[in-house]
């Protein structure tokens, strides 16, 4: 599928005054997703699993068929291994509370990387605090990558959980998951993968990876806000207690006792975000229609061009690995030397260029790098080289505006 005119599929991008470079925060939505949400509310709106009438059974069928579609998308062994949540953050919290709190003991170790998003960091801080375990970090080298020796030094026989991002939302570093998972399993550790920044850009096979848990958010891969996925191996999920209590996750309720429903219902309390689930299914269909190979080809050309053009700006500090093979997710973080990122982002916005500025929910990483915040341009397959050119033009404008103050 050719992507030259792909922007026509995204209504918000038809305005050529908008250069959207914040897909790492949330992607724009194609008409295929927008239309299916409208269709659901017009034709199938009912509560799944709750009624014996036709509308409810149709809603249930659509909802559960999407679960099967997602299981196939990531090659899960069982459809029951797919749990619907509201985002990757909730998925990580579910793992932390339902697995971590129950299986981590005093003096055990939890290992994460210094690159983690707060949702994959604060959760494990809480588990360590409550259980008396120790939270350890794998640190990055001068190329913003985790060295092999760091993996071996941090993951030990005391390690019970390794929770790691697939792709850094700040640096775009692509971590070697197979190496980390294999080594962690040798030490008897469970491995959690945060794939929120990777699955929009590359195929993921959970069986090939041998991941114990994997999480991602729909809104970063063309789906609506408020829908996330938790994948977990069936044998592990079966031995976990529910995180949330309420309707539809029970088997029998007595006055003093309750038994829980089997997977996946056990972890899906209350009325779910049905339209979000259906929208995620439509987003997956759209991604499959385009093809990951076309997405990756477009992104490689775009990122090579962006790296080249931004590297020409000697007033920029770039925070990306020099190893192109380990750079993924369409992410480029940068600063204009001597200028606060918020000021830069504001000037860029005046030219319609949308980038994120701040610590990107990664404060420990920022401290490790010796900075407070950055600007971040995050690209997706609907971006073009013209978008890069507009970013460069807007950056030159921002630099010229602040240049006299920088020199002082």
Protein backbone atom coordinates (compact mmCIF):
# COMPACT_ATOMS: atom_id res chain seq x y z
CA UNK A 1 0.00 0.00 0.00
CA UNK A 2 1.40 3.41 -0.98
CA UNK A 3 1.46 6.06 1.73
CA UNK A 4 1.89 9.21 -0.37
CA UNK A 5 -1.65 10.45 0.27
CA UNK A 6 -2.25 8.76 3.59
CA UNK A 7 -3.10 12.03 5.36
CA UNK A 8 -6.47 12.02 3.62
CA UNK A 9 -7.46 9.15 5.92
CA UNK A 10 -7.00 11.43 8.95
CA UNK A 11 -9.51 14.32 9.07
CA UNK A 12 -7.48 16.38 11.53
CA UNK A 13 -4.43 16.23 9.23
CA UNK A 14 -6.30 17.63 6.23
CA UNK A 15 -5.54 21.06 7.68
CA UNK A 16 -2.12 21.68 6.14
CA UNK A 17 -1.43 24.31 8.78
CA UNK A 18 -1.04 21.55 11.37
CA UNK A 19 2.23 19.63 11.57
CA UNK A 20 1.46 16.97 14.14
CA UNK A 21 4.67 15.63 15.72
CA UNK A 22 3.34 14.24 19.01
CA UNK A 23 2.29 10.73 18.07
CA UNK A 24 4.35 9.35 20.95
CA UNK A 25 1.75 10.92 23.24
CA UNK A 26 -1.26 9.94 21.14
CA UNK A 27 -1.77 9.20 17.47
CA UNK A 28 -4.39 10.77 15.26
CA UNK A 29 -7.36 8.57 14.31
CA UNK A 30 -8.20 7.41 10.78
CA UNK A 31 -11.72 7.57 9.38
CA UNK A 32 -11.93 3.79 9.60
CA UNK A 33 -11.75 4.05 13.39
CA UNK A 34 -13.93 7.14 13.69
CA UNK A 35 -16.64 5.64 11.49
CA UNK A 36 -16.82 2.34 13.35
CA UNK A 37 -17.41 4.16 16.64
CA UNK A 38 -20.35 5.96 15.06
CA UNK A 39 -21.63 2.69 13.63
CA UNK A 40 -21.50 0.99 17.02
CA UNK A 41 -23.58 3.67 18.71
CA UNK A 42 -26.06 3.78 15.85
CA UNK A 43 -26.55 0.02 15.48
CA UNK A 44 -25.16 -2.04 18.36
CA UNK A 45 -25.13 0.04 21.53
CA UNK A 46 -25.83 -2.29 24.46
CA UNK A 47 -23.98 -3.75 27.44
CA UNK A 48 -22.06 -6.95 26.60
CA UNK A 49 -22.52 -10.03 28.77
CA UNK A 50 -25.54 -8.46 30.48
CA UNK A 51 -28.60 -9.28 28.37
CA UNK A 52 -30.29 -12.10 26.50
CA UNK A 53 -31.78 -9.74 23.93
CA UNK A 54 -30.40 -9.32 20.42
CA UNK A 55 -28.62 -5.96 20.86
CA UNK A 56 -26.73 -7.21 23.90
CA UNK A 57 -25.73 -10.47 22.25
CA UNK A 58 -24.53 -8.57 19.16
CA UNK A 59 -22.48 -6.20 21.33
CA UNK A 60 -21.04 -9.21 23.17
CA UNK A 61 -20.09 -10.88 19.89
CA UNK A 62 -18.34 -7.77 18.57
CA UNK A 63 -16.54 -7.26 21.89
CA UNK A 64 -15.31 -10.85 22.18
CA UNK A 65 -14.42 -11.16 18.49
CA UNK A 66 -12.11 -8.19 18.98
CA UNK A 67 -10.42 -10.01 21.85
CA UNK A 68 -9.72 -12.89 19.48
CA UNK A 69 -8.42 -10.43 16.86
CA UNK A 70 -5.99 -8.87 19.36
CA UNK A 71 -4.79 -12.29 20.52
CA UNK A 72 -3.93 -13.17 16.91
CA UNK A 73 -2.35 -9.74 16.37
CA UNK A 74 0.28 -10.37 19.06
CA UNK A 75 0.22 -14.17 18.62
CA UNK A 76 -1.06 -14.95 22.10
CA UNK A 77 -1.58 -18.68 22.65
CA UNK A 78 -5.05 -18.23 24.19
CA UNK A 79 -7.64 -15.50 23.66
CA UNK A 80 -8.26 -15.55 27.43
CA UNK A 81 -4.75 -14.11 27.87
CA UNK A 82 -6.01 -10.75 26.57
CA UNK A 83 -7.39 -8.48 29.33
CA UNK A 84 -9.02 -5.15 28.47
CA UNK A 85 -7.97 -2.18 30.60
CA UNK A 86 -8.15 1.57 30.10
CA UNK A 87 -4.46 1.99 29.15
CA UNK A 88 -0.95 0.61 29.63
CA UNK A 89 -0.75 2.38 32.99
CA UNK A 90 -3.72 0.49 34.38
CA UNK A 91 -2.33 -2.74 32.96
CA UNK A 92 0.96 -2.19 34.78
CA UNK A 93 -0.87 -1.36 37.99
CA UNK A 94 -2.90 -4.55 37.68
CA UNK A 95 0.30 -6.59 37.38
CA UNK A 96 1.95 -4.72 40.25
CA UNK A 97 -0.96 -5.19 42.65
CA UNK A 98 -2.31 -8.58 41.60
CA UNK A 99 1.03 -10.27 40.94
CA UNK A 100 3.70 -8.09 42.55
CA UNK A 101 2.11 -7.55 45.94
CA UNK A 102 1.29 -11.26 46.22
CA UNK A 103 4.59 -12.73 45.03
CA UNK A 104 7.32 -10.31 46.09
CA UNK A 105 8.77 -10.71 49.57
CA UNK A 106 11.21 -8.85 51.79
CA UNK A 107 14.73 -8.68 50.33
CA UNK A 108 13.57 -9.80 46.88
CA UNK A 109 14.61 -7.59 43.98
CA UNK A 110 12.70 -5.82 41.22
CA UNK A 111 14.70 -4.62 38.20
CA UNK A 112 13.68 -1.87 35.79
CA UNK A 113 15.65 0.52 33.58
CA UNK A 114 16.41 4.19 34.12
CA UNK A 115 14.47 4.88 30.90
CA UNK A 116 11.08 3.84 32.27
CA UNK A 117 7.94 5.94 31.99
CA UNK A 118 6.57 6.81 35.43
CA UNK A 119 3.79 4.25 34.98
CA UNK A 120 6.42 1.49 34.88
CA UNK A 121 8.45 3.04 37.68
CA UNK A 122 6.19 4.47 40.37
CA UNK A 123 4.17 1.24 40.40
CA UNK A 124 7.25 -0.81 41.30
CA UNK A 125 8.39 1.78 43.83
CA UNK A 126 5.09 1.17 45.60
CA UNK A 127 5.49 -2.61 45.48
CA UNK A 128 9.04 -2.34 46.84
CA UNK A 129 7.90 -0.01 49.60
CA UNK A 130 5.00 -2.25 50.66
CA UNK A 131 6.88 -5.56 50.47
CA UNK A 132 10.30 -4.52 51.75
CA UNK A 133 11.91 -5.56 48.48
CA UNK A 134 14.62 -3.65 46.62
CA UNK A 135 14.12 -1.70 43.40
CA UNK A 136 17.19 -1.77 41.15
CA UNK A 137 17.93 0.05 37.89
CA UNK A 138 19.72 -0.87 34.70
CA UNK A 139 21.52 2.25 33.49
CA UNK A 140 22.37 3.38 29.97
CA UNK A 141 25.73 4.14 28.40
CA UNK A 142 26.86 7.11 26.33
CA UNK A 143 24.87 5.75 23.36
CA UNK A 144 21.68 5.74 25.47
CA UNK A 145 21.62 1.93 25.39
CA UNK A 146 21.69 -0.70 28.16
CA UNK A 147 25.05 -2.52 27.98
CA UNK A 148 25.09 -6.32 28.25
CA UNK A 149 27.14 -6.12 31.42
CA UNK A 150 24.51 -3.94 33.05
CA UNK A 151 21.89 -6.62 32.40
CA UNK A 152 24.10 -9.28 33.99
CA UNK A 153 25.06 -7.10 36.95
CA UNK A 154 21.52 -6.05 37.90
CA UNK A 155 19.52 -9.23 37.28
CA UNK A 156 20.43 -11.84 39.89
CA UNK A 157 18.98 -14.90 41.63
CA UNK A 158 17.20 -12.47 43.98
CA UNK A 159 15.36 -10.81 41.08
CA UNK A 160 11.69 -11.76 40.99
CA UNK A 161 10.43 -9.25 38.41
CA UNK A 162 12.09 -7.47 35.50
CA UNK A 163 9.87 -4.75 34.01
CA UNK A 164 11.27 -3.02 30.96
CA UNK A 165 10.17 -0.68 28.19
CA UNK A 166 10.54 -2.02 24.66
CA UNK A 167 11.24 1.46 23.24
CA UNK A 168 12.07 4.54 25.32
CA UNK A 169 9.47 7.28 24.96
CA UNK A 170 12.24 9.90 25.37
CA UNK A 171 15.27 8.50 23.59
CA UNK A 172 13.72 6.08 21.11
CA UNK A 173 16.16 3.42 22.27
CA UNK A 174 15.09 -0.06 21.16
CA UNK A 175 15.97 -2.49 23.93
CA UNK A 176 17.11 -6.03 23.21
CA UNK A 177 14.12 -7.79 24.73
CA UNK A 178 15.06 -11.30 23.74
CA UNK A 179 18.40 -11.02 25.50
CA UNK A 180 16.87 -9.46 28.63
CA UNK A 181 13.99 -11.97 28.79
CA UNK A 182 16.25 -14.97 28.24
CA UNK A 183 18.70 -13.88 30.94
CA UNK A 184 15.94 -12.97 33.41
CA UNK A 185 14.27 -16.35 32.93
CA UNK A 186 17.60 -18.06 33.59
CA UNK A 187 17.58 -16.33 36.97
CA UNK A 188 13.98 -17.37 37.65
CA UNK A 189 12.43 -13.94 37.12
CA UNK A 190 9.09 -12.96 35.61
CA UNK A 191 9.38 -10.36 32.80
CA UNK A 192 6.96 -7.51 32.09
CA UNK A 193 7.19 -5.63 28.78
CA UNK A 194 5.87 -2.10 28.28
CA UNK A 195 5.16 -2.06 24.54
CA UNK A 196 3.22 1.22 24.44
CA UNK A 197 5.89 2.95 22.33
CA UNK A 198 6.80 -0.02 20.15
CA UNK A 199 3.66 -1.83 18.97
CA UNK A 200 2.45 1.11 16.83
CA UNK A 201 5.67 0.78 14.83
CA UNK A 202 6.58 -2.92 14.71
CA UNK A 203 5.01 -6.37 14.94
CA UNK A 204 5.20 -8.14 18.29
CA UNK A 205 4.99 -11.89 18.84
CA UNK A 206 4.59 -12.62 22.55
CA UNK A 207 5.28 -16.33 22.10
CA UNK A 208 8.51 -15.68 20.22
CA UNK A 209 9.58 -13.16 22.85
CA UNK A 210 8.46 -15.50 25.63
CA UNK A 211 7.23 -12.48 27.59
CA UNK A 212 5.29 -13.26 30.77
CA UNK A 213 3.34 -10.01 30.59
CA UNK A 214 3.04 -7.34 27.90
CA UNK A 215 1.05 -4.11 27.98
CA UNK A 216 0.13 -1.38 25.52
CA UNK A 217 -2.32 1.48 24.97
CA UNK A 218 -4.71 1.74 22.04
CA UNK A 219 -4.52 5.52 21.70
CA UNK A 220 -0.86 5.35 20.67
CA UNK A 221 -1.73 3.07 17.74
CA UNK A 222 -4.67 4.86 16.07
CA UNK A 223 -7.38 3.61 18.46
CA UNK A 224 -9.57 5.73 20.76
CA UNK A 225 -8.44 7.04 24.12
CA UNK A 226 -9.21 4.94 27.18
CA UNK A 227 -8.52 1.42 25.93
CA UNK A 228 -5.49 -0.66 26.86
CA UNK A 229 -4.33 -4.25 26.75
CA UNK A 230 -2.76 -6.54 29.31
CA UNK A 231 -1.38 -9.78 27.94
CA UNK A 232 -0.34 -12.39 30.46
CA UNK A 233 0.49 -16.05 30.23
CA UNK A 234 -2.61 -18.05 31.11
CA UNK A 235 -0.97 -20.08 33.85
CA UNK A 236 0.19 -16.90 35.60
CA UNK A 237 -3.11 -15.05 35.24
CA UNK A 238 -5.04 -18.03 36.60
CA UNK A 239 -3.05 -17.85 39.83
CA UNK A 240 -3.53 -14.10 40.30
CA UNK A 241 -6.26 -12.44 42.33
CA UNK A 242 -8.45 -9.76 40.73
CA UNK A 243 -7.38 -6.13 40.94
CA UNK A 244 -10.88 -4.61 40.74
CA UNK A 245 -14.10 -6.03 42.20
CA UNK A 246 -17.63 -5.63 40.86
CA UNK A 247 -20.02 -6.80 38.20
CA UNK A 248 -19.18 -9.36 35.52
CA UNK A 249 -16.00 -10.61 37.22
CA UNK A 250 -17.80 -12.87 39.66
CA UNK A 251 -18.99 -16.46 39.58
CA UNK A 252 -21.11 -16.63 42.77
CA UNK A 253 -21.66 -14.02 45.46
CA UNK A 254 -22.83 -14.94 48.95
CA UNK A 255 -23.24 -12.65 51.94
CA UNK A 256 -19.76 -13.39 53.27
CA UNK A 257 -17.96 -14.94 50.33
CA UNK A 258 -17.45 -14.53 46.57
CA UNK A 259 -15.96 -16.78 43.92
CA UNK A 260 -14.56 -15.23 40.75
CA UNK A 261 -15.27 -15.85 37.09
CA UNK A 262 -12.65 -17.55 34.89
CA UNK A 263 -10.34 -15.64 32.57
CA UNK A 264 -10.59 -13.08 31.13
CA UNK A 265 -13.69 -11.85 33.00
CA UNK A 266 -11.94 -12.15 36.36
CA UNK A 267 -9.96 -8.99 35.58
CA UNK A 268 -12.69 -6.99 33.79
CA UNK A 269 -14.93 -5.63 36.52
CA UNK A 270 -17.86 -3.40 35.59
CA UNK A 271 -19.05 -2.11 32.25
CA UNK A 272 -16.12 -1.93 29.88
CA UNK A 273 -15.10 0.64 27.27
CA UNK A 274 -16.83 -1.32 24.53
CA UNK A 275 -16.49 1.36 21.87
CA UNK A 276 -12.79 1.62 22.70
CA UNK A 277 -12.36 -2.12 22.23
CA UNK A 278 -14.16 -1.98 18.87
CA UNK A 279 -12.09 1.06 17.86
CA UNK A 280 -8.89 -0.81 18.73
CA UNK A 281 -10.04 -3.67 16.53
CA UNK A 282 -10.60 -1.25 13.66
CA UNK A 283 -7.16 0.31 14.26
CA UNK A 284 -5.55 -3.12 14.07
CA UNK A 285 -7.39 -3.81 10.81
CA UNK A 286 -6.08 -0.51 9.44
CA UNK A 287 -2.49 -1.25 10.51
CA UNK A 288 -2.69 -4.71 8.92
CA UNK A 289 -4.12 -3.17 5.75
CA UNK A 290 -1.18 -0.78 5.50
CA UNK A 291 1.30 -3.42 6.64
CA UNK A 292 4.06 -3.06 9.20
CA UNK A 293 6.63 -3.42 6.43
CA UNK A 294 5.26 -0.25 4.77
CA UNK A 295 5.04 1.56 8.10
CA UNK A 296 8.66 0.73 8.89
CA UNK A 297 9.87 1.65 5.41
CA UNK A 298 8.15 5.05 5.62
CA UNK A 299 9.43 5.69 9.13
CA UNK A 300 13.00 4.71 8.27
CA UNK A 301 13.14 7.16 5.37
CA UNK A 302 11.52 9.84 7.49
CA UNK A 303 13.75 9.32 10.54
CA UNK A 304 16.93 9.17 8.45
CA UNK A 305 15.93 12.48 6.88
CA UNK A 306 14.98 14.04 10.22
CA UNK A 307 18.23 12.96 11.89
CA UNK A 308 20.23 14.37 8.97
CA UNK A 309 18.41 17.71 8.87
CA UNK A 310 18.33 18.25 12.62
CA UNK A 311 22.00 17.32 12.93
CA UNK A 312 22.81 20.30 10.70
CA UNK A 313 21.49 22.68 13.37
CA UNK A 314 24.53 23.30 15.54
CA UNK A 315 22.42 25.06 18.15
CA UNK A 316 20.54 21.83 18.90
CA UNK A 317 21.41 19.22 21.50
CA UNK A 318 20.05 15.86 20.28
CA UNK A 319 19.23 12.99 22.62
CA UNK A 320 19.17 9.94 20.34
CA UNK A 321 21.37 6.89 20.03
CA UNK A 322 23.94 7.15 17.21
CA UNK A 323 23.14 3.52 16.39
CA UNK A 324 20.28 3.78 13.89
CA UNK A 325 19.48 0.08 14.22
CA UNK A 326 18.63 0.59 17.89
CA UNK A 327 16.55 3.72 17.34
CA UNK A 328 12.81 3.16 16.96
CA UNK A 329 9.38 4.54 17.73
CA UNK A 330 9.76 7.69 15.62
CA UNK A 331 11.11 9.64 18.62
CA UNK A 332 13.67 12.47 18.53
CA UNK A 333 14.30 14.50 21.69
CA UNK A 334 16.22 17.77 21.49
CA UNK A 335 16.91 21.13 23.09
CA UNK A 336 17.95 24.49 21.72
CA UNK A 337 21.01 25.15 23.83
CA UNK A 338 20.26 27.78 26.44
CA UNK A 339 16.51 27.96 25.79
CA UNK A 340 13.80 26.32 27.89
CA UNK A 341 11.90 23.59 25.99
CA UNK A 342 8.52 25.10 26.89
CA UNK A 343 9.54 28.36 25.19
CA UNK A 344 10.71 26.47 22.13
CA UNK A 345 7.48 24.46 21.92
CA UNK A 346 5.41 27.64 22.18
CA UNK A 347 7.24 29.27 19.29
CA UNK A 348 6.90 26.09 17.22
CA UNK A 349 3.18 26.04 17.97
CA UNK A 350 2.84 29.56 16.54
CA UNK A 351 3.86 27.99 13.22
CA UNK A 352 1.49 25.05 13.67
CA UNK A 353 4.24 22.58 14.61
CA UNK A 354 3.05 20.38 17.48
CA UNK A 355 5.80 18.90 19.66
CA UNK A 356 5.82 17.91 23.30
CA UNK A 357 7.99 19.65 25.88
CA UNK A 358 8.69 18.63 29.45
CA UNK A 359 10.09 15.60 31.26
CA UNK A 360 7.87 13.15 29.32
CA UNK A 361 6.92 11.30 32.52
CA UNK A 362 10.55 10.22 32.87
CA UNK A 363 12.05 12.43 35.59
CA UNK A 364 14.68 9.90 36.80
CA UNK A 365 15.98 9.60 33.23
CA UNK A 366 16.17 13.39 32.92
CA UNK A 367 18.18 13.62 36.13
CA UNK A 368 20.48 10.85 34.92
CA UNK A 369 21.06 12.84 31.71
CA UNK A 370 21.69 16.00 33.75
CA UNK A 371 18.78 17.95 32.29
CA UNK A 372 15.30 18.99 33.41
CA UNK A 373 13.33 18.52 30.22
CA UNK A 374 13.45 18.34 26.43
CA UNK A 375 11.37 18.97 23.37
CA UNK A 376 10.26 15.79 21.67
CA UNK A 377 9.18 15.33 18.07
CA UNK A 378 7.53 11.95 17.60
CA UNK A 379 6.68 10.85 14.07
CA UNK A 380 4.33 8.27 12.61
CA UNK A 381 3.76 6.90 9.12
CA UNK A 382 1.37 9.75 8.26
CA UNK A 383 4.18 12.29 8.59
CA UNK A 384 6.24 13.46 5.62
CA UNK A 385 9.59 15.01 4.81
CA UNK A 386 7.71 18.29 4.36
CA UNK A 387 6.74 18.03 8.04
CA UNK A 388 10.42 17.71 8.91
CA UNK A 389 11.21 20.77 6.79
CA UNK A 390 8.52 22.77 8.60
CA UNK A 391 9.96 21.65 11.95
CA UNK A 392 13.44 22.82 10.91
CA UNK A 393 12.06 26.14 9.67
CA UNK A 394 10.19 26.70 12.93
CA UNK A 395 13.29 25.77 14.96
CA UNK A 396 15.36 28.32 13.03
CA UNK A 397 12.72 30.92 13.82
CA UNK A 398 12.80 30.03 17.52
CA UNK A 399 16.59 30.12 17.63
CA UNK A 400 16.74 33.50 15.90
CA UNK A 401 14.22 34.90 18.37
CA UNK A 402 16.26 33.79 21.38
CA UNK A 403 19.76 34.08 19.91
CA UNK A 404 20.58 37.50 21.36
CA UNK A 405 19.56 36.34 24.82
CA UNK A 406 21.49 33.07 24.50
CA UNK A 407 24.67 34.95 23.69
CA UNK A 408 24.25 37.12 26.73
